[in-house]
Structure formats: structure tokens, C-alpha cells
Amino acid sequence: MDQQGKVKVGVDILDLRYAKTGQKTFLEEVYKQFLVSEHPGVSFVYLDFPLPKFSRKYKLGIIFNHLALQFWKQLVLPLKAYFNRVDILFCSDYFAPNIRLKFKNVQVLHDAFFYEYPEHYHGLWMHLFKLLAVPAAKNSEYIITPTKYSRNSISKHFTIPLEKIIPIYEGPKCFEAIKTESPTWIPPNVPYILNVGVWEKRKNIPRLLAAFKALLANINQPIKLVLVGEGSKKMNSDDSAAIIQAITDLQLADYVICTGYLPDHSLKSAYEQALLFIFPSYNEGFGIPILEAFAAEIPVLVANNSCLPEVGANAVISFDPFSIADMMEKMKIVIENTDLQKDLIQKGKERLLDFSWEQASKEMIEVFIMAAKHGK
């Protein structure tokens, strides 16, 4: 406890320096909420460290990055937590210290992909995960996860009791204060279908490209596909080569725009000016882009698996992500039916009311208080 008798929570904010995509969005948004939190029972201290960053082009660089992260997680972070006299240490990136010096861990596990797709991860990373991340997770006071689906998957694969795993819905990336602009890549007067996410194998983008090719042959209007994202540079899960090859093989170079990662003002424009958003992943732990598309008031189509029906509920059109024909047909139906588009947009706005970072942070704070009291 701090001098005012509050539960003192140490927040590992290293990912604000190094993470990308959803993992960084999670910490950014939670961090913003904690900074303005006025909860009478909790105070926060933010723990960071300037780790060296090695090039991922070479195997040694990858190995050194892994080792540097564990140097932070297993040695420097617990010492910082101890000297700051924290009661709870909060880590949001799968790894937490195994050494606990008078503090308790509460950590986030976004999904169980390490167990579900071991072939997508480097052998060293998997070894470190099983050696360090799994024991820390099992010994954490509570695990926070984004959906009921991910809660069940984590309980099954990590053999952690369900009562220790608490699902807390996330929110969309906050773009409210950002002035939008129309990037030069947005095609003038040509509608486009939008996909946002890292180019990993589970994102299923080559099938999306095949479905888009079929769509072009079945509609009587010009349309493009915009892919916002890039490869993860993880040798086992990166799908960049297959995506680029599919664009070439399907002769889609004139119809597909690959933007790479976008700054927030451009990303907001990409959502707002899209005809529809499509998310063809065959496994997700949550799917923040769904909420971002709801907020942009565009129709949303998602795969009918994992957590996506839970997040989208009745505000999305679902399809079989392994069926190119079904994916194509669902896109065609939405594009050609303006009444359906309006219905999906309205339902998306209503569904979005169930998700906010403000509410998520309040629920996390309650978990911190529970963890501090647990066992006393």
C-alpha cells in the first residue's frame, strides 16, 4: 500500500516503445485511462527501461531481442517493482516475472495462439514461452483476457482454472481528437473494401484475395481492395510472401492497394472512406479493428469463428473463412444492398456501446484490488 493506503499498481509500459498492432493499442489505451483514473483505492507507477533493439533481419538480432526482453522481464522489472514498493505488477504482453519480490502479478493473455499454432513461432521463442511465460501465468493472481472465447482457450491450453481468468472487453482505438486527411493512395471516386491487420498466416489474406478476384468477375462496378498492414517479420508466421505472390498470380496489382502501417490520421480516413470492412481471420483473441469499423460507421463482415461472432454479435455479416465462394458471396450481397448496409451501420453503432476503454480500465482496477486482497 502507498502512504494513503491505496493499492499501488506497477504497470509495465515497455510495449509503448516496441510493440505494434493490437498489443500496442491495448497498452496505449489502458495507459491513457490509468493516467486520468481517480479511483480512491488505487495508485499507479509506470515502469520502463531503454532496452537495446537489434535488427530482425538476422537470426542473431532476433535472439538478442528475445534475451533482452527476458532480461527486462525476469530481472530488471521485478527489481523496479520491488524498489517502487508495488502491491500489484501489471503486464500486458504474455510475459511476467517469475521472481516476485513482495508483489503479486496480474497479467494479460490476449489469446492461446502459442499453443494453437506452435508451428508459427520460432523454436527459441516457444522455448522461452514454455520455460518462463507459462509458469508466471499459472502463478499470477489473476489473468485478464479480452473475450469469453479466449478465456476458455487459455484455460484449456494453459491448464489454468477458469475462476482465475477474467474476460474484460476492450475498446476501439481512440481517434476522436485526430484531424483526418485523405491519403494519396485513396482511389478517387472508386469504392474500396478495407482490411486492417498484421500479415500473419492466421489472418487468411490470400483467401481474401482469391474471394476478391471472384468478386470482380461478379459485380458490375469498379472496386478495389485496400490492405492496411505489413508482415510481422516472424519467420514462421509472416505471410507476406504468400500475399504478394497471390496478388501476382491473381493479376490483382491494379486492384489491390497495400499501404503498410498507417499513422492514426490516415488510418482513420481509411476506415471512414471505405465501402465496407472485412476480417477473414481464422482465429482471433478479440479483433479491435471490428470496433474501429463500427466507430467509422461502415458495414462489417467477419469470419464465423473464434471470438469474432462474440464481438460482432448481430451487427456483422458472417462467412466461412475457408470458403472463397462464401466470402465472395457475402461481400457481393452487402455491396449490392444499400438497405442492408444502413442496417449494419446502425447495429454497429449500437453494438459499439458495449465496448469502451474507460469501462475496461475500471474493471481492471477492480481486478487489481481483488488481487491485493486475495489470500489475506
Protein backbone atom coordinates (compact mmCIF):
# COMPACT_ATOMS: atom_id res chain seq x y z
CA MET A 1 0.00 0.00 0.00
CA ASP A 2 1.12 3.59 -0.60
CA GLN A 3 1.12 6.33 2.05
CA GLN A 4 -2.59 6.98 1.51
CA GLY A 5 -3.43 3.31 1.99
CA LYS A 6 -4.10 2.73 -1.71
CA VAL A 7 -3.22 -0.41 -3.64
CA LYS A 8 -0.08 0.50 -5.55
CA VAL A 9 -0.06 -0.89 -9.09
CA GLY A 10 3.14 -1.02 -11.15
CA VAL A 11 2.39 -1.00 -14.89
CA ASP A 12 4.96 -2.42 -17.31
CA ILE A 13 4.87 0.11 -20.19
CA LEU A 14 7.82 -1.21 -22.22
CA ASP A 15 5.46 -2.09 -25.10
CA LEU A 16 4.80 1.62 -25.66
CA ARG A 17 8.32 1.67 -27.10
CA TYR A 18 8.43 -1.57 -29.04
CA ALA A 19 5.05 -3.17 -29.76
CA LYS A 20 2.89 -2.77 -32.86
CA THR A 21 -0.71 -3.52 -33.86
CA GLY A 22 -3.26 -4.68 -31.31
CA GLN A 23 -0.86 -5.32 -28.44
CA LYS A 24 0.38 -1.73 -28.57
CA THR A 25 -3.15 -0.33 -28.96
CA PHE A 26 -4.21 -2.21 -25.83
CA LEU A 27 -1.43 -0.75 -23.69
CA GLU A 28 -1.75 2.75 -25.17
CA GLU A 29 -5.45 2.96 -24.41
CA VAL A 30 -5.24 1.40 -20.95
CA TYR A 31 -2.29 3.66 -20.09
CA LYS A 32 -4.33 6.76 -21.07
CA GLN A 33 -7.17 5.66 -18.81
CA PHE A 34 -4.91 4.88 -15.84
CA LEU A 35 -3.30 8.34 -16.14
CA VAL A 36 -6.67 10.04 -15.57
CA SER A 37 -8.04 7.47 -13.14
CA GLU A 38 -9.37 8.90 -9.89
CA HIS A 39 -10.19 5.61 -8.19
CA PRO A 40 -9.92 6.18 -4.41
CA GLY A 41 -8.37 2.77 -3.76
CA VAL A 42 -5.58 2.60 -6.35
CA SER A 43 -2.44 4.50 -7.34
CA PHE A 44 -0.15 3.80 -10.30
CA VAL A 45 3.55 3.83 -11.05
CA TYR A 46 4.83 3.25 -14.58
CA LEU A 47 7.85 1.03 -15.16
CA ASP A 48 10.03 1.34 -18.26
CA PHE A 49 13.57 0.64 -19.44
CA PRO A 50 15.51 1.58 -22.63
CA LEU A 51 16.27 -1.88 -23.99
CA PRO A 52 18.60 -2.16 -26.99
CA LYS A 53 16.77 -3.01 -30.22
CA PHE A 54 18.55 -5.34 -32.63
CA SER A 55 17.78 -5.77 -36.31
CA ARG A 56 15.34 -8.59 -37.09
CA LYS A 57 16.98 -9.17 -40.48
CA TYR A 58 19.46 -11.55 -38.90
CA LYS A 59 18.99 -14.58 -36.64
CA LEU A 60 21.36 -13.19 -34.01
CA GLY A 61 19.33 -9.99 -33.87
CA ILE A 62 16.15 -11.96 -33.19
CA ILE A 63 17.88 -13.99 -30.47
CA PHE A 64 19.33 -10.88 -28.80
CA ASN A 65 15.90 -9.19 -28.83
CA HIS A 66 14.37 -12.22 -27.09
CA LEU A 67 17.12 -12.29 -24.49
CA ALA A 68 16.91 -8.52 -23.91
CA LEU A 69 13.17 -8.80 -23.29
CA GLN A 70 13.68 -11.55 -20.73
CA PHE A 71 16.48 -9.57 -19.04
CA TRP A 72 13.84 -6.86 -18.51
CA LYS A 73 11.02 -9.19 -17.53
CA GLN A 74 12.86 -11.57 -15.23
CA LEU A 75 15.46 -9.31 -13.59
CA VAL A 76 15.09 -5.55 -14.05
CA LEU A 77 11.28 -5.36 -13.89
CA PRO A 78 10.86 -7.29 -10.61
CA LEU A 79 13.62 -5.18 -9.03
CA LYS A 80 11.95 -1.96 -10.19
CA ALA A 81 8.63 -3.25 -8.84
CA TYR A 82 10.25 -4.09 -5.50
CA PHE A 83 12.04 -0.75 -5.07
CA ASN A 84 8.83 1.09 -6.00
CA ARG A 85 7.03 -0.98 -3.36
CA VAL A 86 4.19 -2.02 -5.65
CA ASP A 87 1.48 -4.37 -4.45
CA ILE A 88 0.43 -5.47 -7.94
CA LEU A 89 2.56 -5.71 -11.07
CA PHE A 90 0.52 -5.48 -14.28
CA CYS A 91 2.00 -6.87 -17.52
CA SER A 92 0.04 -6.76 -20.78
CA ASP A 93 2.21 -8.79 -23.17
CA TYR A 94 2.10 -12.51 -22.23
CA PHE A 95 5.30 -12.39 -20.13
CA ALA A 96 5.53 -11.56 -16.42
CA PRO A 97 8.33 -12.08 -13.87
CA ASN A 98 8.73 -15.45 -12.24
CA ILE A 99 10.55 -13.74 -9.36
CA ARG A 100 8.01 -11.90 -7.21
CA LEU A 101 9.51 -9.69 -4.52
CA LYS A 102 6.60 -8.88 -2.20
CA PHE A 103 4.24 -8.14 -5.10
CA LYS A 104 1.58 -10.11 -6.97
CA ASN A 105 1.26 -10.47 -10.73
CA VAL A 106 -1.83 -9.62 -12.74
CA GLN A 107 -1.18 -10.15 -16.41
CA VAL A 108 -2.91 -10.13 -19.77
CA LEU A 109 -3.05 -13.13 -22.06
CA HIS A 110 -4.65 -11.98 -25.30
CA ASP A 111 -5.07 -15.49 -26.72
CA ALA A 112 -3.70 -19.03 -26.73
CA PHE A 113 -2.04 -18.85 -30.17
CA PHE A 114 1.29 -20.15 -28.86
CA TYR A 115 -0.38 -23.49 -28.16
CA GLU A 116 -2.84 -23.44 -31.04
CA TYR A 117 -0.25 -22.66 -33.75
CA PRO A 118 3.18 -23.69 -32.42
CA GLU A 119 4.45 -24.02 -35.99
CA HIS A 120 4.04 -20.24 -36.40
CA TYR A 121 6.65 -19.42 -33.76
CA HIS A 122 10.42 -19.61 -33.69
CA GLY A 123 11.77 -22.50 -31.62
CA LEU A 124 13.65 -20.21 -29.23
CA TRP A 125 10.54 -18.11 -28.66
CA MET A 126 8.46 -21.21 -27.94
CA HIS A 127 11.13 -22.49 -25.55
CA LEU A 128 11.19 -19.19 -23.65
CA PHE A 129 7.40 -19.08 -23.63
CA LYS A 130 7.05 -22.53 -22.06
CA LEU A 131 10.00 -22.02 -19.71
CA LEU A 132 9.11 -18.53 -18.47
CA ALA A 133 5.68 -17.27 -19.59
CA VAL A 134 3.59 -20.32 -18.69
CA PRO A 135 4.85 -20.71 -15.07
CA ALA A 136 4.42 -16.96 -14.49
CA ALA A 137 0.87 -17.10 -15.84
CA LYS A 138 -0.02 -20.04 -13.64
CA ASN A 139 1.37 -18.22 -10.60
CA SER A 140 -0.30 -14.91 -11.36
CA GLU A 141 -3.08 -13.86 -9.05
CA TYR A 142 -5.41 -13.26 -11.98
CA ILE A 143 -5.26 -13.39 -15.78
CA ILE A 144 -7.11 -10.75 -17.81
CA THR A 145 -8.22 -11.74 -21.30
CA PRO A 146 -10.39 -9.93 -23.89
CA THR A 147 -13.25 -12.39 -24.56
CA LYS A 148 -15.06 -15.39 -23.16
CA TYR A 149 -13.73 -17.36 -26.12
CA SER A 150 -10.11 -16.54 -25.26
CA ARG A 151 -10.83 -17.28 -21.59
CA ASN A 152 -11.91 -20.82 -22.44
CA SER A 153 -8.97 -21.35 -24.82
CA ILE A 154 -6.43 -20.15 -22.26
CA SER A 155 -7.93 -22.28 -19.50
CA LYS A 156 -7.78 -25.34 -21.74
CA HIS A 157 -4.26 -24.90 -23.11
CA PHE A 158 -2.55 -23.41 -20.05
CA THR A 159 -4.47 -25.60 -17.57
CA ILE A 160 -5.39 -22.54 -15.52
CA PRO A 161 -8.70 -22.62 -13.58
CA LEU A 162 -11.45 -20.57 -15.20
CA GLU A 163 -12.05 -18.61 -12.00
CA LYS A 164 -8.55 -17.10 -12.27
CA ILE A 165 -9.21 -15.83 -15.81
CA ILE A 166 -11.32 -12.69 -16.13
CA PRO A 167 -12.65 -11.58 -19.53
CA ILE A 168 -12.73 -7.80 -19.99
CA TYR A 169 -13.89 -6.39 -23.30
CA GLU A 170 -11.56 -3.91 -24.96
CA GLY A 171 -12.49 -0.79 -26.92
CA PRO A 172 -11.68 0.78 -30.29
CA LYS A 173 -8.55 2.83 -30.84
CA CYS A 174 -9.44 6.39 -29.91
CA PHE A 175 -9.29 8.64 -32.97
CA GLU A 176 -11.63 11.40 -31.72
CA ALA A 177 -9.06 14.21 -31.47
CA ILE A 178 -7.30 13.33 -34.72
CA LYS A 179 -7.73 15.54 -37.76
CA THR A 180 -8.26 13.28 -40.73
CA GLU A 181 -6.82 13.73 -44.17
CA SER A 182 -7.27 11.87 -47.43
CA PRO A 183 -4.04 9.98 -48.18
CA THR A 184 -2.87 9.97 -51.78
CA TRP A 185 -3.47 6.23 -52.11
CA ILE A 186 -7.24 6.50 -51.57
CA PRO A 187 -8.72 5.98 -55.07
CA PRO A 188 -10.84 8.96 -56.16
CA ASN A 189 -14.47 8.01 -56.81
CA VAL A 190 -13.73 4.28 -56.58
CA PRO A 191 -15.25 2.37 -53.64
CA TYR A 192 -12.97 0.01 -51.75
CA ILE A 193 -13.13 -2.88 -49.34
CA LEU A 194 -10.85 -2.47 -46.30
CA ASN A 195 -8.84 -4.95 -44.28
CA VAL A 196 -6.60 -3.91 -41.37
CA GLY A 197 -4.11 -6.13 -39.58
CA VAL A 198 -0.67 -7.67 -39.46
CA TRP A 199 0.12 -10.00 -42.37
CA GLU A 200 0.23 -13.26 -40.45
CA LYS A 201 -0.95 -16.65 -41.67
CA ARG A 202 -3.98 -16.79 -39.38
CA LYS A 203 -5.23 -13.54 -40.96
CA ASN A 204 -6.17 -15.56 -44.06
CA ILE A 205 -5.41 -12.78 -46.55
CA PRO A 206 -4.55 -15.00 -49.56
CA ARG A 207 -8.10 -16.43 -49.43
CA LEU A 208 -9.46 -12.91 -49.16
CA LEU A 209 -7.55 -12.03 -52.33
CA ALA A 210 -8.99 -15.07 -54.12
CA ALA A 211 -12.51 -14.10 -52.98
CA PHE A 212 -11.93 -10.53 -54.14
CA LYS A 213 -10.81 -11.80 -57.55
CA ALA A 214 -14.05 -13.77 -57.81
CA LEU A 215 -16.00 -10.70 -56.71
CA LEU A 216 -14.55 -8.61 -59.54
CA ALA A 217 -15.99 -11.11 -62.02
CA ASN A 218 -19.43 -11.00 -60.39
CA ILE A 219 -20.24 -7.32 -59.91
CA ASN A 220 -20.82 -4.55 -62.42
CA GLN A 221 -18.97 -1.71 -60.73
CA PRO A 222 -15.33 -0.71 -60.18
CA ILE A 223 -13.97 -1.62 -56.75
CA LYS A 224 -10.62 -2.01 -55.04
CA LEU A 225 -9.26 -3.84 -52.01
CA VAL A 226 -7.11 -1.91 -49.51
CA LEU A 227 -4.83 -3.89 -47.20
CA VAL A 228 -3.54 -1.84 -44.26
CA GLY A 229 -0.67 -3.63 -42.56
CA GLU A 230 2.54 -5.45 -43.27
CA GLY A 231 4.39 -8.61 -42.36
CA SER A 232 5.34 -9.41 -38.78
CA LYS A 233 8.88 -10.40 -39.86
CA LYS A 234 8.45 -13.55 -37.77
CA MET A 235 9.88 -16.27 -39.96
CA ASN A 236 7.28 -18.89 -39.07
CA SER A 237 4.08 -16.81 -39.08
CA ASP A 238 4.75 -13.99 -41.57
CA ASP A 239 2.51 -14.42 -44.62
CA SER A 240 3.91 -11.55 -46.70
CA ALA A 241 5.44 -13.73 -49.40
CA ALA A 242 2.20 -15.65 -49.95
CA ILE A 243 0.19 -12.42 -50.08
CA ILE A 244 2.45 -10.76 -52.64
CA GLN A 245 2.53 -13.96 -54.69
CA ALA A 246 -1.28 -14.20 -54.62
CA ILE A 247 -1.61 -10.62 -55.87
CA THR A 248 0.71 -11.51 -58.75
CA ASP A 249 -0.83 -14.90 -59.56
CA LEU A 250 -4.37 -13.49 -59.50
CA GLN A 251 -3.35 -10.46 -61.59
CA LEU A 252 -4.66 -8.05 -58.96
CA ALA A 253 -1.86 -5.48 -59.00
CA ASP A 254 -4.22 -2.82 -60.41
CA TYR A 255 -6.99 -3.60 -57.94
CA VAL A 256 -5.21 -4.08 -54.58
CA ILE A 257 -3.57 -1.27 -52.60
CA CYS A 258 -1.07 -2.26 -49.91
CA THR A 259 -0.43 0.71 -47.61
CA GLY A 260 1.82 -0.75 -44.91
CA TYR A 261 1.14 0.51 -41.39
CA LEU A 262 -0.58 3.89 -41.33
CA PRO A 263 -0.36 6.80 -38.88
CA ASP A 264 -3.55 7.33 -36.94
CA HIS A 265 -4.88 10.22 -39.04
CA SER A 266 -4.51 8.18 -42.23
CA LEU A 267 -5.93 5.04 -40.63
CA LYS A 268 -9.00 6.95 -39.51
CA SER A 269 -9.50 8.20 -43.08
CA ALA A 270 -9.04 4.68 -44.43
CA TYR A 271 -11.91 3.45 -42.25
CA GLU A 272 -14.23 6.38 -42.85
CA GLN A 273 -13.95 6.33 -46.63
CA ALA A 274 -14.24 2.54 -47.06
CA LEU A 275 -17.34 0.92 -48.52
CA LEU A 276 -17.10 -1.96 -46.07
CA PHE A 277 -14.64 -3.67 -43.72
CA ILE A 278 -13.81 -7.38 -43.89
CA PHE A 279 -12.00 -9.52 -41.30
CA PRO A 280 -11.33 -13.04 -42.67
CA SER A 281 -9.07 -14.37 -39.86
CA TYR A 282 -9.47 -17.98 -38.87
CA ASN A 283 -8.58 -17.20 -35.24
CA GLU A 284 -8.61 -14.03 -33.15
CA GLY A 285 -8.42 -13.28 -29.44
CA PHE A 286 -10.51 -10.12 -29.83
CA GLY A 287 -10.32 -8.03 -33.03
CA ILE A 288 -10.08 -4.31 -32.26
CA PRO A 289 -10.43 -3.38 -35.98
CA ILE A 290 -14.06 -4.57 -35.82
CA LEU A 291 -14.80 -1.87 -33.26
CA GLU A 292 -12.84 0.71 -35.24
CA ALA A 293 -15.00 -0.09 -38.27
CA PHE A 294 -18.17 0.22 -36.16
CA ALA A 295 -16.95 3.63 -34.99
CA ALA A 296 -16.32 4.69 -38.61
CA GLU A 297 -19.90 3.71 -39.45
CA ILE A 298 -19.18 1.23 -42.23
CA PRO A 299 -20.65 -2.28 -42.70
CA VAL A 300 -18.58 -5.10 -41.20
CA LEU A 301 -18.09 -8.69 -42.39
CA VAL A 302 -16.22 -11.21 -40.22
CA ALA A 303 -15.28 -14.86 -40.24
CA ASN A 304 -17.67 -17.12 -38.34
CA ASN A 305 -15.10 -18.47 -35.89
CA SER A 306 -13.24 -17.96 -32.59
CA CYS A 307 -14.24 -14.74 -30.78
CA LEU A 308 -15.49 -12.85 -33.84
CA PRO A 309 -19.21 -13.73 -33.52
CA GLU A 310 -18.97 -12.86 -29.80
CA VAL A 311 -17.56 -9.40 -30.55
CA GLY A 312 -19.67 -8.66 -33.63
CA ALA A 313 -22.95 -10.17 -32.38
CA ASN A 314 -25.85 -9.20 -34.69
CA ALA A 315 -24.01 -6.18 -36.12
CA VAL A 316 -21.92 -8.15 -38.63
CA ILE A 317 -22.36 -10.45 -41.60
CA SER A 318 -20.50 -13.72 -41.06
CA PHE A 319 -18.93 -16.08 -43.58
CA ASP A 320 -16.92 -19.29 -43.71
CA PRO A 321 -13.27 -18.12 -43.88
CA PHE A 322 -12.24 -21.36 -45.60
CA SER A 323 -14.79 -20.91 -48.40
CA ILE A 324 -13.74 -18.48 -51.12
CA ALA A 325 -17.22 -18.72 -52.63
CA ASP A 326 -18.99 -17.86 -49.37
CA MET A 327 -16.66 -14.95 -48.68
CA MET A 328 -17.22 -13.59 -52.18
CA GLU A 329 -21.00 -14.01 -52.00
CA LYS A 330 -21.28 -12.20 -48.65
CA MET A 331 -19.24 -9.25 -49.95
CA LYS A 332 -21.43 -9.11 -53.06
CA ILE A 333 -24.65 -9.17 -51.03
CA VAL A 334 -23.54 -6.25 -48.85
CA ILE A 335 -22.18 -4.19 -51.75
CA GLU A 336 -25.41 -4.53 -53.76
CA ASN A 337 -27.88 -3.98 -50.90
CA THR A 338 -27.88 -0.39 -49.60
CA ASP A 339 -30.65 -1.15 -47.10
CA LEU A 340 -28.51 -3.90 -45.60
CA GLN A 341 -25.57 -1.51 -45.41
CA LYS A 342 -27.66 1.01 -43.46
CA ASP A 343 -28.93 -1.73 -41.13
CA LEU A 344 -25.41 -2.98 -40.40
CA ILE A 345 -24.14 0.55 -39.77
CA GLN A 346 -26.94 1.23 -37.26
CA LYS A 347 -26.41 -2.09 -35.49
CA GLY A 348 -22.66 -1.44 -35.41
CA LYS A 349 -23.21 1.90 -33.65
CA GLU A 350 -25.44 0.17 -31.09
CA ARG A 351 -23.03 -2.72 -30.56
CA LEU A 352 -20.14 -0.29 -30.02
CA LEU A 353 -21.85 1.00 -26.88
CA ASP A 354 -20.85 -2.27 -25.17
CA PHE A 355 -17.13 -1.54 -25.59
CA SER A 356 -15.02 1.26 -24.14
CA TRP A 357 -11.53 1.63 -22.69
CA GLU A 358 -12.95 3.64 -19.82
CA GLN A 359 -15.12 0.71 -18.75
CA ALA A 360 -12.29 -1.77 -19.39
CA SER A 361 -9.89 0.18 -17.16
CA LYS A 362 -12.48 0.37 -14.36
CA GLU A 363 -12.91 -3.41 -14.49
CA MET A 364 -9.12 -3.89 -14.46
CA ILE A 365 -8.79 -1.69 -11.39
CA GLU A 366 -11.34 -3.87 -9.61
CA VAL A 367 -9.21 -6.90 -10.51
CA PHE A 368 -6.12 -5.19 -9.02
CA ILE A 369 -7.98 -4.54 -5.78
CA MET A 370 -9.26 -8.14 -5.69
CA ALA A 371 -5.73 -9.43 -6.29
CA ALA A 372 -4.28 -7.31 -3.48
CA LYS A 373 -6.90 -8.61 -1.04
CA HIS A 374 -6.70 -12.22 -2.24
CA GLY A 375 -5.09 -14.54 0.28
CA LYS A 376 -5.17 -12.03 3.13
